[in-house]
Amino acid sequence: MQKTTEDDDEFKERHHEWKEQVEIIETKRIIAAKTAIPELEAAKQKLVLPNIESTPDEAYLQYQKDLEDEAKTDVETKIAYKAFTPKVVETKIDFNDEANKISFQFQYEPTPEVFAKAVEVVLEPEKFWGRYKNSDGTPNREKFLQDIYFILNRETIISEAMKQAKNATMKQTLLADNTNTNGMNRILPQNMEENELDKQMKASLNGYGNHRR
């Protein structure tokens, strides 16, 4: 760069000296490079690159394996569920009322259409969890708890339903019999628990005959 204190001639002279110095340095570098070529070639012949073995990332390998296992399991799961028939979910519960000599087996097998819907929900998790969401997308925890409770207590609930249905049927039959027999004495089964319905029946039958348990 030309200084403010030097004229054009002074600048040209200084610039010429600078170019000469640059040429000398470049010449020295070229000579040094040519001199080093034989040494580099000799070193190249002796150079032995190490055999570097890449160490696999264990976490990544495990991730890849998990993906493969998940895909394999998904295929196996679909094949297994599609091979099932309604028979595998058939419900059988024995009911025995010794006092009234009532004994039978409750049995229920779903229709193919109902069973197919259940399989569909099992195979598609988003449909399963969709059952437990409200219309606004919030979780329906009450329904989820109800379903879990039924799963854990299915046989107990069904047995109690059969028991209550039996009691209600017998009460209705007894009420009709007492009405039709114009007050004849009627003895109720010993195992029938007295509840509010029993009390109302007694009150309605009072005057038509003695009613005892």
N, C-alpha and C. Protein backbone atom coordinates (compact mmCIF):
# COMPACT_ATOMS: atom_id res chain seq x y z
N MET A 1 0.85 -1.18 0.00
CA MET A 1 0.00 0.00 0.00
C MET A 1 0.89 1.24 0.00
N GLN A 2 0.56 2.21 -0.83
CA GLN A 2 1.36 3.44 -0.91
C GLN A 2 1.09 4.31 0.31
N LYS A 3 2.19 4.74 0.93
CA LYS A 3 2.07 5.59 2.12
C LYS A 3 1.76 7.01 1.70
N THR A 4 1.16 7.73 2.60
CA THR A 4 0.83 9.14 2.31
C THR A 4 2.06 10.02 2.28
N THR A 5 3.16 9.49 2.86
CA THR A 5 4.39 10.31 2.94
C THR A 5 5.34 10.07 1.78
N GLU A 6 4.98 9.13 0.84
CA GLU A 6 5.86 8.84 -0.28
C GLU A 6 5.15 9.14 -1.59
N ASP A 7 6.01 9.58 -2.55
CA ASP A 7 5.44 9.88 -3.86
C ASP A 7 5.39 8.61 -4.69
N ASP A 8 4.96 8.72 -5.96
CA ASP A 8 4.79 7.55 -6.80
C ASP A 8 6.11 6.83 -7.08
N ASP A 9 7.15 7.57 -7.31
CA ASP A 9 8.45 6.94 -7.60
C ASP A 9 8.96 6.16 -6.40
N GLU A 10 8.81 6.74 -5.23
CA GLU A 10 9.26 6.04 -4.01
C GLU A 10 8.44 4.75 -3.80
N PHE A 11 7.16 4.86 -4.09
CA PHE A 11 6.31 3.67 -3.93
C PHE A 11 6.70 2.57 -4.92
N LYS A 12 6.94 2.96 -6.19
CA LYS A 12 7.33 1.97 -7.20
C LYS A 12 8.64 1.29 -6.82
N GLU A 13 9.58 2.03 -6.29
CA GLU A 13 10.87 1.45 -5.89
C GLU A 13 10.66 0.47 -4.73
N ARG A 14 9.87 0.87 -3.76
CA ARG A 14 9.62 -0.02 -2.61
C ARG A 14 8.83 -1.26 -3.03
N HIS A 15 7.89 -1.09 -3.97
CA HIS A 15 7.12 -2.21 -4.46
C HIS A 15 7.99 -3.19 -5.23
N HIS A 16 8.97 -2.68 -5.96
CA HIS A 16 9.88 -3.52 -6.72
C HIS A 16 10.74 -4.36 -5.77
N GLU A 17 11.19 -3.74 -4.69
CA GLU A 17 12.00 -4.47 -3.71
C GLU A 17 11.16 -5.59 -3.06
N TRP A 18 9.90 -5.28 -2.81
CA TRP A 18 9.02 -6.29 -2.19
C TRP A 18 8.83 -7.48 -3.12
N LYS A 19 8.63 -7.25 -4.41
CA LYS A 19 8.45 -8.33 -5.38
C LYS A 19 9.69 -9.21 -5.46
N GLU A 20 10.86 -8.58 -5.39
CA GLU A 20 12.11 -9.36 -5.44
C GLU A 20 12.19 -10.29 -4.23
N GLN A 21 11.82 -9.77 -3.06
CA GLN A 21 11.84 -10.61 -1.86
C GLN A 21 10.85 -11.78 -1.98
N VAL A 22 9.67 -11.53 -2.54
CA VAL A 22 8.68 -12.58 -2.73
C VAL A 22 9.21 -13.64 -3.67
N GLU A 23 9.83 -13.24 -4.76
CA GLU A 23 10.37 -14.19 -5.72
C GLU A 23 11.45 -15.06 -5.10
N ILE A 24 12.31 -14.44 -4.27
CA ILE A 24 13.37 -15.21 -3.60
C ILE A 24 12.76 -16.27 -2.67
N ILE A 25 11.72 -15.87 -1.92
CA ILE A 25 11.08 -16.81 -0.99
C ILE A 25 10.42 -17.95 -1.76
N GLU A 26 9.72 -17.62 -2.85
CA GLU A 26 9.05 -18.66 -3.64
C GLU A 26 10.06 -19.61 -4.26
N THR A 27 11.19 -19.07 -4.71
CA THR A 27 12.23 -19.91 -5.31
C THR A 27 12.79 -20.88 -4.28
N LYS A 28 13.03 -20.37 -3.07
CA LYS A 28 13.54 -21.24 -2.01
C LYS A 28 12.55 -22.36 -1.70
N ARG A 29 11.27 -22.03 -1.70
CA ARG A 29 10.24 -23.04 -1.40
C ARG A 29 10.18 -24.11 -2.50
N ILE A 30 10.30 -23.68 -3.74
CA ILE A 30 10.28 -24.64 -4.85
C ILE A 30 11.46 -25.58 -4.76
N ILE A 31 12.66 -25.02 -4.45
CA ILE A 31 13.86 -25.84 -4.34
C ILE A 31 13.71 -26.84 -3.19
N ALA A 32 13.20 -26.34 -2.07
CA ALA A 32 13.02 -27.20 -0.90
C ALA A 32 12.02 -28.32 -1.21
N ALA A 33 10.95 -27.98 -1.93
CA ALA A 33 9.94 -28.99 -2.28
C ALA A 33 10.53 -30.06 -3.19
N LYS A 34 11.31 -29.63 -4.21
CA LYS A 34 11.91 -30.60 -5.12
C LYS A 34 12.91 -31.48 -4.40
N THR A 35 13.62 -30.90 -3.43
CA THR A 35 14.59 -31.68 -2.66
C THR A 35 13.88 -32.70 -1.77
N ALA A 36 12.70 -32.34 -1.31
CA ALA A 36 11.98 -33.23 -0.40
C ALA A 36 11.25 -34.36 -1.11
N ILE A 37 11.04 -34.23 -2.43
CA ILE A 37 10.29 -35.27 -3.17
C ILE A 37 10.89 -36.65 -3.01
N PRO A 38 12.20 -36.84 -3.21
CA PRO A 38 12.75 -38.19 -3.03
C PRO A 38 12.55 -38.73 -1.62
N GLU A 39 12.67 -37.85 -0.64
CA GLU A 39 12.48 -38.29 0.75
C GLU A 39 11.01 -38.70 0.99
N LEU A 40 10.12 -37.92 0.41
CA LEU A 40 8.70 -38.26 0.56
C LEU A 40 8.36 -39.58 -0.11
N GLU A 41 8.92 -39.81 -1.29
CA GLU A 41 8.67 -41.06 -1.99
C GLU A 41 9.19 -42.25 -1.20
N ALA A 42 10.40 -42.07 -0.61
CA ALA A 42 10.98 -43.15 0.19
C ALA A 42 10.13 -43.42 1.43
N ALA A 43 9.66 -42.34 2.05
CA ALA A 43 8.82 -42.50 3.25
C ALA A 43 7.48 -43.13 2.90
N LYS A 44 7.00 -42.81 1.70
CA LYS A 44 5.73 -43.37 1.26
C LYS A 44 5.80 -44.88 1.11
N GLN A 45 6.98 -45.35 0.64
CA GLN A 45 7.17 -46.79 0.48
C GLN A 45 7.17 -47.51 1.83
N LYS A 46 7.64 -46.80 2.84
CA LYS A 46 7.75 -47.41 4.17
C LYS A 46 6.46 -47.23 5.00
N LEU A 47 5.58 -46.35 4.50
CA LEU A 47 4.39 -46.03 5.27
C LEU A 47 3.42 -47.21 5.28
N VAL A 48 2.99 -47.62 6.46
CA VAL A 48 2.03 -48.71 6.63
C VAL A 48 0.85 -48.17 7.43
N LEU A 49 -0.28 -48.12 6.78
CA LEU A 49 -1.48 -47.63 7.48
C LEU A 49 -2.00 -48.68 8.44
N PRO A 50 -2.39 -48.28 9.63
CA PRO A 50 -2.91 -49.25 10.60
C PRO A 50 -4.28 -49.77 10.19
N ASN A 51 -4.57 -51.01 10.55
CA ASN A 51 -5.87 -51.61 10.27
C ASN A 51 -6.85 -51.20 11.37
N ILE A 52 -7.63 -50.18 11.05
CA ILE A 52 -8.55 -49.63 12.05
C ILE A 52 -9.89 -50.35 11.95
N GLU A 53 -10.24 -51.02 13.01
CA GLU A 53 -11.54 -51.68 13.07
C GLU A 53 -12.55 -50.77 13.75
N SER A 54 -13.64 -50.52 13.04
CA SER A 54 -14.66 -49.64 13.61
C SER A 54 -15.39 -50.35 14.74
N THR A 55 -15.50 -49.68 15.85
CA THR A 55 -16.21 -50.23 17.00
C THR A 55 -17.70 -49.92 16.86
N PRO A 56 -18.55 -50.93 16.75
CA PRO A 56 -19.98 -50.66 16.56
C PRO A 56 -20.59 -50.00 17.79
N ASP A 57 -21.56 -49.16 17.55
CA ASP A 57 -22.30 -48.51 18.63
C ASP A 57 -23.31 -49.52 19.18
N GLU A 58 -23.07 -49.99 20.39
CA GLU A 58 -23.94 -51.03 20.99
C GLU A 58 -25.38 -50.56 21.12
N ALA A 59 -25.55 -49.29 21.49
CA ALA A 59 -26.91 -48.76 21.66
C ALA A 59 -27.65 -48.75 20.33
N TYR A 60 -26.95 -48.38 19.26
CA TYR A 60 -27.58 -48.33 17.95
C TYR A 60 -27.91 -49.74 17.45
N LEU A 61 -26.97 -50.66 17.67
CA LEU A 61 -27.22 -52.04 17.27
C LEU A 61 -28.43 -52.63 18.00
N GLN A 62 -28.56 -52.30 19.28
CA GLN A 62 -29.70 -52.78 20.05
C GLN A 62 -31.00 -52.17 19.54
N TYR A 63 -30.92 -50.88 19.17
CA TYR A 63 -32.10 -50.19 18.61
C TYR A 63 -32.54 -50.85 17.31
N GLN A 64 -31.57 -51.17 16.45
CA GLN A 64 -31.89 -51.84 15.19
C GLN A 64 -32.52 -53.21 15.44
N LYS A 65 -31.97 -53.92 16.42
CA LYS A 65 -32.50 -55.24 16.76
C LYS A 65 -33.92 -55.14 17.30
N ASP A 66 -34.16 -54.13 18.13
CA ASP A 66 -35.50 -53.94 18.69
C ASP A 66 -36.52 -53.67 17.58
N LEU A 67 -36.12 -52.88 16.59
CA LEU A 67 -37.02 -52.58 15.48
C LEU A 67 -37.36 -53.86 14.70
N GLU A 68 -36.34 -54.67 14.46
CA GLU A 68 -36.55 -55.91 13.74
C GLU A 68 -37.45 -56.87 14.53
N ASP A 69 -37.18 -56.96 15.84
CA ASP A 69 -37.99 -57.84 16.69
C ASP A 69 -39.43 -57.36 16.75
N GLU A 70 -39.61 -56.05 16.82
CA GLU A 70 -40.96 -55.49 16.91
C GLU A 70 -41.75 -55.78 15.63
N ALA A 71 -41.09 -55.62 14.49
CA ALA A 71 -41.76 -55.90 13.22
C ALA A 71 -42.12 -57.39 13.12
N LYS A 72 -41.20 -58.24 13.56
CA LYS A 72 -41.45 -59.68 13.52
C LYS A 72 -42.59 -60.06 14.45
N THR A 73 -42.58 -59.49 15.65
CA THR A 73 -43.64 -59.78 16.62
C THR A 73 -44.99 -59.30 16.12
N ASP A 74 -45.01 -58.15 15.47
CA ASP A 74 -46.26 -57.60 14.95
C ASP A 74 -46.87 -58.55 13.92
N VAL A 75 -46.03 -59.07 13.04
CA VAL A 75 -46.52 -60.01 12.02
C VAL A 75 -47.04 -61.29 12.68
N GLU A 76 -46.28 -61.82 13.64
CA GLU A 76 -46.70 -63.05 14.33
C GLU A 76 -48.00 -62.83 15.09
N THR A 77 -48.15 -61.66 15.70
CA THR A 77 -49.35 -61.35 16.47
C THR A 77 -50.59 -61.33 15.57
N LYS A 78 -50.45 -60.67 14.43
CA LYS A 78 -51.59 -60.60 13.51
C LYS A 78 -51.99 -61.98 13.00
N ILE A 79 -51.00 -62.79 12.69
CA ILE A 79 -51.28 -64.15 12.21
C ILE A 79 -52.01 -64.95 13.29
N ALA A 80 -51.53 -64.82 14.55
CA ALA A 80 -52.10 -65.58 15.66
C ALA A 80 -53.56 -65.18 15.92
N TYR A 81 -53.84 -63.87 15.99
CA TYR A 81 -55.19 -63.43 16.29
C TYR A 81 -56.17 -63.76 15.16
N LYS A 82 -55.69 -63.66 13.92
CA LYS A 82 -56.58 -63.95 12.80
C LYS A 82 -56.90 -65.44 12.70
N ALA A 83 -56.09 -66.28 13.36
CA ALA A 83 -56.35 -67.72 13.35
C ALA A 83 -57.36 -68.13 14.42
N PHE A 84 -57.64 -67.24 15.38
CA PHE A 84 -58.58 -67.57 16.44
C PHE A 84 -60.02 -67.58 15.92
N THR A 85 -60.87 -68.29 16.64
CA THR A 85 -62.30 -68.34 16.33
C THR A 85 -63.08 -67.90 17.56
N PRO A 86 -64.36 -67.59 17.43
CA PRO A 86 -65.17 -67.17 18.59
C PRO A 86 -65.11 -68.15 19.75
N LYS A 87 -64.78 -69.40 19.47
CA LYS A 87 -64.76 -70.43 20.51
C LYS A 87 -63.74 -70.10 21.61
N VAL A 88 -62.64 -69.40 21.25
CA VAL A 88 -61.58 -69.15 22.22
C VAL A 88 -62.01 -68.14 23.29
N VAL A 89 -63.05 -67.36 23.01
CA VAL A 89 -63.52 -66.39 24.00
C VAL A 89 -64.88 -66.80 24.59
N GLU A 90 -65.25 -68.02 24.37
CA GLU A 90 -66.52 -68.52 24.92
C GLU A 90 -66.49 -68.45 26.45
N THR A 91 -67.58 -68.00 27.04
CA THR A 91 -67.69 -67.89 28.49
C THR A 91 -68.56 -69.02 29.03
N LYS A 92 -68.04 -69.74 30.01
CA LYS A 92 -68.78 -70.82 30.67
C LYS A 92 -68.65 -70.65 32.18
N ILE A 93 -69.78 -70.54 32.85
CA ILE A 93 -69.79 -70.38 34.31
C ILE A 93 -70.87 -71.27 34.90
N ASP A 94 -70.50 -72.10 35.85
CA ASP A 94 -71.46 -73.00 36.50
C ASP A 94 -72.24 -72.25 37.57
N PHE A 95 -73.54 -72.43 37.58
CA PHE A 95 -74.40 -71.83 38.60
C PHE A 95 -75.10 -72.95 39.36
N ASN A 96 -75.01 -72.92 40.69
CA ASN A 96 -75.58 -73.98 41.50
C ASN A 96 -76.29 -73.40 42.72
N ASP A 97 -77.56 -73.57 42.75
CA ASP A 97 -78.40 -73.12 43.88
C ASP A 97 -78.98 -74.37 44.53
N GLU A 98 -78.25 -74.89 45.53
CA GLU A 98 -78.65 -76.15 46.14
C GLU A 98 -79.99 -76.05 46.85
N ALA A 99 -80.25 -74.93 47.51
CA ALA A 99 -81.50 -74.79 48.26
C ALA A 99 -82.72 -74.91 47.37
N ASN A 100 -82.64 -74.39 46.16
CA ASN A 100 -83.79 -74.43 45.25
C ASN A 100 -83.63 -75.47 44.16
N LYS A 101 -82.58 -76.30 44.27
CA LYS A 101 -82.34 -77.37 43.30
C LYS A 101 -82.23 -76.82 41.88
N ILE A 102 -81.53 -75.70 41.78
CA ILE A 102 -81.31 -75.09 40.46
C ILE A 102 -79.83 -75.20 40.13
N SER A 103 -79.52 -75.84 39.06
CA SER A 103 -78.12 -76.02 38.66
C SER A 103 -78.03 -76.01 37.14
N PHE A 104 -77.20 -75.14 36.62
CA PHE A 104 -77.02 -75.10 35.16
C PHE A 104 -75.70 -74.41 34.85
N GLN A 105 -75.32 -74.45 33.61
CA GLN A 105 -74.07 -73.82 33.15
C GLN A 105 -74.41 -72.67 32.21
N PHE A 106 -73.99 -71.48 32.63
CA PHE A 106 -74.14 -70.33 31.74
C PHE A 106 -73.10 -70.44 30.63
N GLN A 107 -73.54 -70.27 29.40
CA GLN A 107 -72.63 -70.43 28.27
C GLN A 107 -72.94 -69.37 27.23
N TYR A 108 -71.88 -68.67 26.78
CA TYR A 108 -72.08 -67.65 25.76
C TYR A 108 -70.89 -67.63 24.80
N GLU A 109 -71.19 -67.73 23.51
CA GLU A 109 -70.17 -67.64 22.47
C GLU A 109 -70.59 -66.52 21.52
N PRO A 110 -69.73 -65.53 21.29
CA PRO A 110 -70.13 -64.39 20.46
C PRO A 110 -70.32 -64.79 19.00
N THR A 111 -71.07 -63.98 18.30
CA THR A 111 -71.25 -64.21 16.86
C THR A 111 -69.95 -63.86 16.14
N PRO A 112 -69.76 -64.37 14.93
CA PRO A 112 -68.54 -64.03 14.17
C PRO A 112 -68.37 -62.53 13.97
N GLU A 113 -69.48 -61.80 13.80
CA GLU A 113 -69.39 -60.36 13.59
C GLU A 113 -68.87 -59.65 14.84
N VAL A 114 -69.42 -60.01 16.00
CA VAL A 114 -68.99 -59.40 17.26
C VAL A 114 -67.54 -59.77 17.56
N PHE A 115 -67.19 -61.02 17.31
CA PHE A 115 -65.81 -61.48 17.54
C PHE A 115 -64.83 -60.74 16.63
N ALA A 116 -65.20 -60.52 15.37
CA ALA A 116 -64.33 -59.83 14.42
C ALA A 116 -64.02 -58.41 14.88
N LYS A 117 -65.01 -57.74 15.48
CA LYS A 117 -64.79 -56.38 15.98
C LYS A 117 -63.79 -56.39 17.14
N ALA A 118 -63.88 -57.41 17.99
CA ALA A 118 -62.94 -57.52 19.12
C ALA A 118 -61.52 -57.73 18.61
N VAL A 119 -61.37 -58.59 17.61
CA VAL A 119 -60.04 -58.85 17.03
C VAL A 119 -59.48 -57.57 16.41
N GLU A 120 -60.34 -56.81 15.77
CA GLU A 120 -59.91 -55.56 15.13
C GLU A 120 -59.36 -54.58 16.16
N VAL A 121 -60.01 -54.49 17.30
CA VAL A 121 -59.56 -53.59 18.36
C VAL A 121 -58.21 -54.05 18.93
N VAL A 122 -58.06 -55.37 19.08
CA VAL A 122 -56.82 -55.92 19.61
C VAL A 122 -55.64 -55.66 18.67
N LEU A 123 -55.89 -55.76 17.36
CA LEU A 123 -54.82 -55.60 16.38
C LEU A 123 -54.45 -54.14 16.11
N GLU A 124 -55.32 -53.23 16.47
CA GLU A 124 -55.05 -51.81 16.22
C GLU A 124 -55.11 -51.04 17.54
N PRO A 125 -53.94 -50.83 18.18
CA PRO A 125 -53.90 -50.16 19.49
C PRO A 125 -54.58 -48.80 19.51
N GLU A 126 -54.52 -48.07 18.38
CA GLU A 126 -55.15 -46.74 18.38
C GLU A 126 -56.66 -46.84 18.56
N LYS A 127 -57.25 -47.93 18.05
CA LYS A 127 -58.69 -48.11 18.24
C LYS A 127 -58.99 -48.51 19.69
N PHE A 128 -58.11 -49.30 20.28
CA PHE A 128 -58.31 -49.69 21.68
C PHE A 128 -58.28 -48.46 22.58
N TRP A 129 -57.23 -47.63 22.46
CA TRP A 129 -57.13 -46.46 23.32
C TRP A 129 -58.16 -45.40 22.95
N GLY A 130 -58.65 -45.45 21.71
CA GLY A 130 -59.70 -44.51 21.32
C GLY A 130 -60.99 -44.72 22.08
N ARG A 131 -61.18 -45.94 22.60
CA ARG A 131 -62.37 -46.24 23.40
C ARG A 131 -62.38 -45.45 24.71
N TYR A 132 -61.21 -45.01 25.13
CA TYR A 132 -61.10 -44.34 26.43
C TYR A 132 -60.75 -42.86 26.28
N LYS A 133 -61.31 -42.25 25.24
CA LYS A 133 -61.16 -40.81 25.04
C LYS A 133 -62.53 -40.19 24.91
N ASN A 134 -62.69 -39.02 25.53
CA ASN A 134 -63.93 -38.27 25.41
C ASN A 134 -63.97 -37.58 24.05
N SER A 135 -65.10 -36.98 23.73
CA SER A 135 -65.25 -36.32 22.44
C SER A 135 -64.26 -35.16 22.25
N ASP A 136 -63.81 -34.57 23.38
CA ASP A 136 -62.86 -33.46 23.29
C ASP A 136 -61.41 -33.93 23.34
N GLY A 137 -61.19 -35.25 23.32
CA GLY A 137 -59.84 -35.79 23.30
C GLY A 137 -59.24 -36.06 24.66
N THR A 138 -59.91 -35.68 25.73
CA THR A 138 -59.40 -35.93 27.08
C THR A 138 -59.63 -37.40 27.44
N PRO A 139 -58.79 -37.95 28.33
CA PRO A 139 -58.93 -39.38 28.69
C PRO A 139 -60.19 -39.64 29.51
N ASN A 140 -60.86 -40.72 29.18
CA ASN A 140 -62.05 -41.15 29.92
C ASN A 140 -61.60 -42.21 30.93
N ARG A 141 -61.09 -41.76 32.05
CA ARG A 141 -60.53 -42.68 33.05
C ARG A 141 -61.60 -43.54 33.71
N GLU A 142 -62.80 -43.00 33.82
CA GLU A 142 -63.88 -43.75 34.46
C GLU A 142 -64.23 -45.00 33.65
N LYS A 143 -64.33 -44.86 32.33
CA LYS A 143 -64.64 -46.01 31.48
C LYS A 143 -63.50 -47.02 31.51
N PHE A 144 -62.28 -46.52 31.50
CA PHE A 144 -61.12 -47.43 31.54
C PHE A 144 -61.13 -48.25 32.82
N LEU A 145 -61.41 -47.58 33.96
CA LEU A 145 -61.47 -48.28 35.24
C LEU A 145 -62.61 -49.29 35.26
N GLN A 146 -63.76 -48.91 34.70
CA GLN A 146 -64.89 -49.83 34.66
C GLN A 146 -64.55 -51.10 33.88
N ASP A 147 -63.90 -50.94 32.75
CA ASP A 147 -63.54 -52.11 31.93
C ASP A 147 -62.51 -52.99 32.63
N ILE A 148 -61.53 -52.36 33.27
CA ILE A 148 -60.52 -53.13 33.99
C ILE A 148 -61.17 -53.89 35.15
N TYR A 149 -62.09 -53.23 35.85
CA TYR A 149 -62.79 -53.88 36.96
C TYR A 149 -63.56 -55.10 36.46
N PHE A 150 -64.26 -54.94 35.34
CA PHE A 150 -65.02 -56.08 34.80
C PHE A 150 -64.10 -57.22 34.38
N ILE A 151 -62.97 -56.89 33.77
CA ILE A 151 -62.02 -57.92 33.36
C ILE A 151 -61.54 -58.73 34.56
N LEU A 152 -61.24 -58.04 35.65
CA LEU A 152 -60.72 -58.72 36.84
C LEU A 152 -61.80 -59.47 37.62
N ASN A 153 -63.06 -59.09 37.43
CA ASN A 153 -64.14 -59.70 38.23
C ASN A 153 -65.27 -60.23 37.36
N ARG A 154 -64.96 -60.65 36.16
CA ARG A 154 -65.98 -61.07 35.20
C ARG A 154 -66.86 -62.18 35.74
N GLU A 155 -66.26 -63.25 36.23
CA GLU A 155 -67.05 -64.41 36.68
C GLU A 155 -67.93 -64.06 37.87
N THR A 156 -67.38 -63.24 38.78
CA THR A 156 -68.17 -62.83 39.95
C THR A 156 -69.39 -62.02 39.53
N ILE A 157 -69.19 -61.09 38.60
CA ILE A 157 -70.28 -60.23 38.14
C ILE A 157 -71.36 -61.05 37.44
N ILE A 158 -70.94 -61.96 36.56
CA ILE A 158 -71.91 -62.78 35.84
C ILE A 158 -72.68 -63.69 36.79
N SER A 159 -71.96 -64.27 37.76
CA SER A 159 -72.62 -65.14 38.74
C SER A 159 -73.64 -64.36 39.55
N GLU A 160 -73.30 -63.14 39.94
CA GLU A 160 -74.23 -62.32 40.71
C GLU A 160 -75.44 -61.93 39.86
N ALA A 161 -75.19 -61.68 38.56
CA ALA A 161 -76.30 -61.35 37.66
C ALA A 161 -77.26 -62.53 37.54
N MET A 162 -76.72 -63.74 37.45
CA MET A 162 -77.58 -64.92 37.36
C MET A 162 -78.36 -65.11 38.66
N LYS A 163 -77.70 -64.86 39.77
CA LYS A 163 -78.37 -65.01 41.07
C LYS A 163 -79.51 -64.02 41.20
N GLN A 164 -79.28 -62.76 40.85
CA GLN A 164 -80.33 -61.75 40.96
C GLN A 164 -81.47 -62.02 39.97
N ALA A 165 -81.12 -62.51 38.78
CA ALA A 165 -82.16 -62.83 37.80
C ALA A 165 -83.02 -63.98 38.31
N LYS A 166 -82.39 -64.97 38.95
CA LYS A 166 -83.12 -66.10 39.51
C LYS A 166 -84.06 -65.64 40.62
N ASN A 167 -83.55 -64.80 41.52
CA ASN A 167 -84.37 -64.30 42.63
C ASN A 167 -85.55 -63.48 42.13
N ALA A 168 -85.28 -62.61 41.13
CA ALA A 168 -86.35 -61.77 40.61
C ALA A 168 -87.43 -62.62 39.93
N THR A 169 -87.00 -63.65 39.22
CA THR A 169 -87.96 -64.54 38.54
C THR A 169 -88.81 -65.30 39.55
N MET A 170 -88.16 -65.81 40.61
CA MET A 170 -88.90 -66.57 41.63
C MET A 170 -89.86 -65.67 42.38
N LYS A 171 -89.46 -64.45 42.66
CA LYS A 171 -90.34 -63.53 43.37
C LYS A 171 -91.57 -63.21 42.52
N GLN A 172 -91.34 -63.01 41.23
CA GLN A 172 -92.46 -62.70 40.36
C GLN A 172 -93.42 -63.89 40.28
N THR A 173 -92.84 -65.08 40.22
CA THR A 173 -93.66 -66.30 40.16
C THR A 173 -94.46 -66.48 41.45
N LEU A 174 -93.81 -66.25 42.60
CA LEU A 174 -94.48 -66.39 43.89
C LEU A 174 -95.60 -65.38 44.05
N LEU A 175 -95.35 -64.16 43.56
CA LEU A 175 -96.37 -63.13 43.65
C LEU A 175 -97.61 -63.52 42.84
N ALA A 176 -97.36 -64.05 41.67
CA ALA A 176 -98.47 -64.48 40.82
C ALA A 176 -99.21 -65.65 41.44
N ASP A 177 -98.47 -66.60 42.02
CA ASP A 177 -99.09 -67.77 42.64
C ASP A 177 -99.95 -67.37 43.82
N ASN A 178 -99.43 -66.46 44.67
CA ASN A 178 -100.19 -66.03 45.85
C ASN A 178 -101.46 -65.31 45.45
N THR A 179 -101.40 -64.57 44.38
CA THR A 179 -102.59 -63.84 43.93
C THR A 179 -103.63 -64.81 43.38
N ASN A 180 -103.15 -65.81 42.64
CA ASN A 180 -104.08 -66.75 41.99
C ASN A 180 -104.64 -67.78 42.95
N THR A 181 -103.99 -68.04 44.09
CA THR A 181 -104.47 -69.07 45.03
C THR A 181 -105.36 -68.50 46.11
N ASN A 182 -105.73 -67.20 45.97
CA ASN A 182 -106.67 -66.57 46.90
C ASN A 182 -106.25 -66.72 48.35
N GLY A 183 -104.95 -66.45 48.63
CA GLY A 183 -104.55 -66.41 50.03
C GLY A 183 -103.96 -67.67 50.57
N MET A 184 -103.74 -68.67 49.74
CA MET A 184 -103.12 -69.89 50.24
C MET A 184 -101.71 -69.59 50.73
N ASN A 185 -101.34 -70.29 51.81
CA ASN A 185 -100.01 -70.08 52.36
C ASN A 185 -98.94 -70.43 51.35
N ARG A 186 -97.86 -69.60 51.32
CA ARG A 186 -96.76 -69.81 50.38
C ARG A 186 -95.45 -69.68 51.14
N ILE A 187 -94.57 -70.65 50.98
CA ILE A 187 -93.28 -70.61 51.65
C ILE A 187 -92.21 -70.23 50.64
N LEU A 188 -91.50 -69.18 50.92
CA LEU A 188 -90.43 -68.73 50.03
C LEU A 188 -89.16 -69.53 50.29
N PRO A 189 -88.29 -69.69 49.27
CA PRO A 189 -87.03 -70.41 49.46
C PRO A 189 -86.19 -69.76 50.55
N GLN A 190 -85.49 -70.59 51.31
CA GLN A 190 -84.73 -70.11 52.46
C GLN A 190 -83.56 -69.20 52.08
N ASN A 191 -83.04 -69.36 50.85
CA ASN A 191 -81.82 -68.61 50.51
C ASN A 191 -82.12 -67.26 49.89
N MET A 192 -83.37 -66.91 49.74
CA MET A 192 -83.69 -65.62 49.15
C MET A 192 -83.58 -64.52 50.19
N GLU A 193 -82.71 -63.57 49.92
CA GLU A 193 -82.46 -62.49 50.87
C GLU A 193 -83.61 -61.49 50.83
N GLU A 194 -84.03 -61.06 52.01
CA GLU A 194 -85.12 -60.09 52.06
C GLU A 194 -84.57 -58.71 51.76
N ASN A 195 -85.17 -58.07 50.82
CA ASN A 195 -84.77 -56.71 50.49
C ASN A 195 -86.01 -55.84 50.41
N GLU A 196 -85.89 -54.66 49.84
CA GLU A 196 -87.01 -53.75 49.78
C GLU A 196 -88.17 -54.34 48.97
N LEU A 197 -87.80 -55.11 47.93
CA LEU A 197 -88.85 -55.74 47.12
C LEU A 197 -89.63 -56.76 47.94
N ASP A 198 -88.91 -57.53 48.80
CA ASP A 198 -89.58 -58.50 49.66
C ASP A 198 -90.58 -57.80 50.59
N LYS A 199 -90.14 -56.69 51.16
CA LYS A 199 -91.01 -55.97 52.10
C LYS A 199 -92.27 -55.48 51.40
N GLN A 200 -92.11 -54.97 50.17
CA GLN A 200 -93.27 -54.49 49.44
C GLN A 200 -94.21 -55.64 49.09
N MET A 201 -93.60 -56.81 48.76
CA MET A 201 -94.43 -57.99 48.45
C MET A 201 -95.24 -58.41 49.67
N LYS A 202 -94.58 -58.41 50.85
CA LYS A 202 -95.29 -58.80 52.07
C LYS A 202 -96.46 -57.86 52.34
N ALA A 203 -96.18 -56.57 52.14
CA ALA A 203 -97.23 -55.59 52.40
C ALA A 203 -98.41 -55.77 51.45
N SER A 204 -98.07 -56.05 50.18
CA SER A 204 -99.14 -56.20 49.19
C SER A 204 -99.92 -57.49 49.39
N LEU A 205 -99.25 -58.51 49.96
CA LEU A 205 -99.91 -59.80 50.16
C LEU A 205 -100.59 -59.90 51.51
N ASN A 206 -100.40 -58.91 52.39
CA ASN A 206 -100.99 -58.94 53.71
C ASN A 206 -102.52 -58.95 53.59
N GLY A 207 -103.12 -59.94 54.19
CA GLY A 207 -104.58 -60.06 54.09
C GLY A 207 -105.00 -61.14 53.11
N TYR A 208 -104.02 -61.58 52.25
CA TYR A 208 -104.36 -62.65 51.31
C TYR A 208 -103.83 -63.99 51.77
N GLY A 209 -103.19 -63.98 52.95
CA GLY A 209 -102.66 -65.24 53.44
C GLY A 209 -101.38 -65.00 54.16
N ASN A 210 -101.01 -65.93 55.01
CA ASN A 210 -99.75 -65.79 55.75
C ASN A 210 -98.59 -65.96 54.78
N HIS A 211 -97.60 -65.11 54.97
CA HIS A 211 -96.41 -65.17 54.10
C HIS A 211 -95.18 -65.26 55.01
N ARG A 212 -94.49 -66.38 55.01
CA ARG A 212 -93.33 -66.54 55.89
C ARG A 212 -92.14 -67.03 55.10
N ARG A 213 -90.98 -66.81 55.68
CA ARG A 213 -89.72 -67.20 55.03
C ARG A 213 -89.13 -68.36 55.78
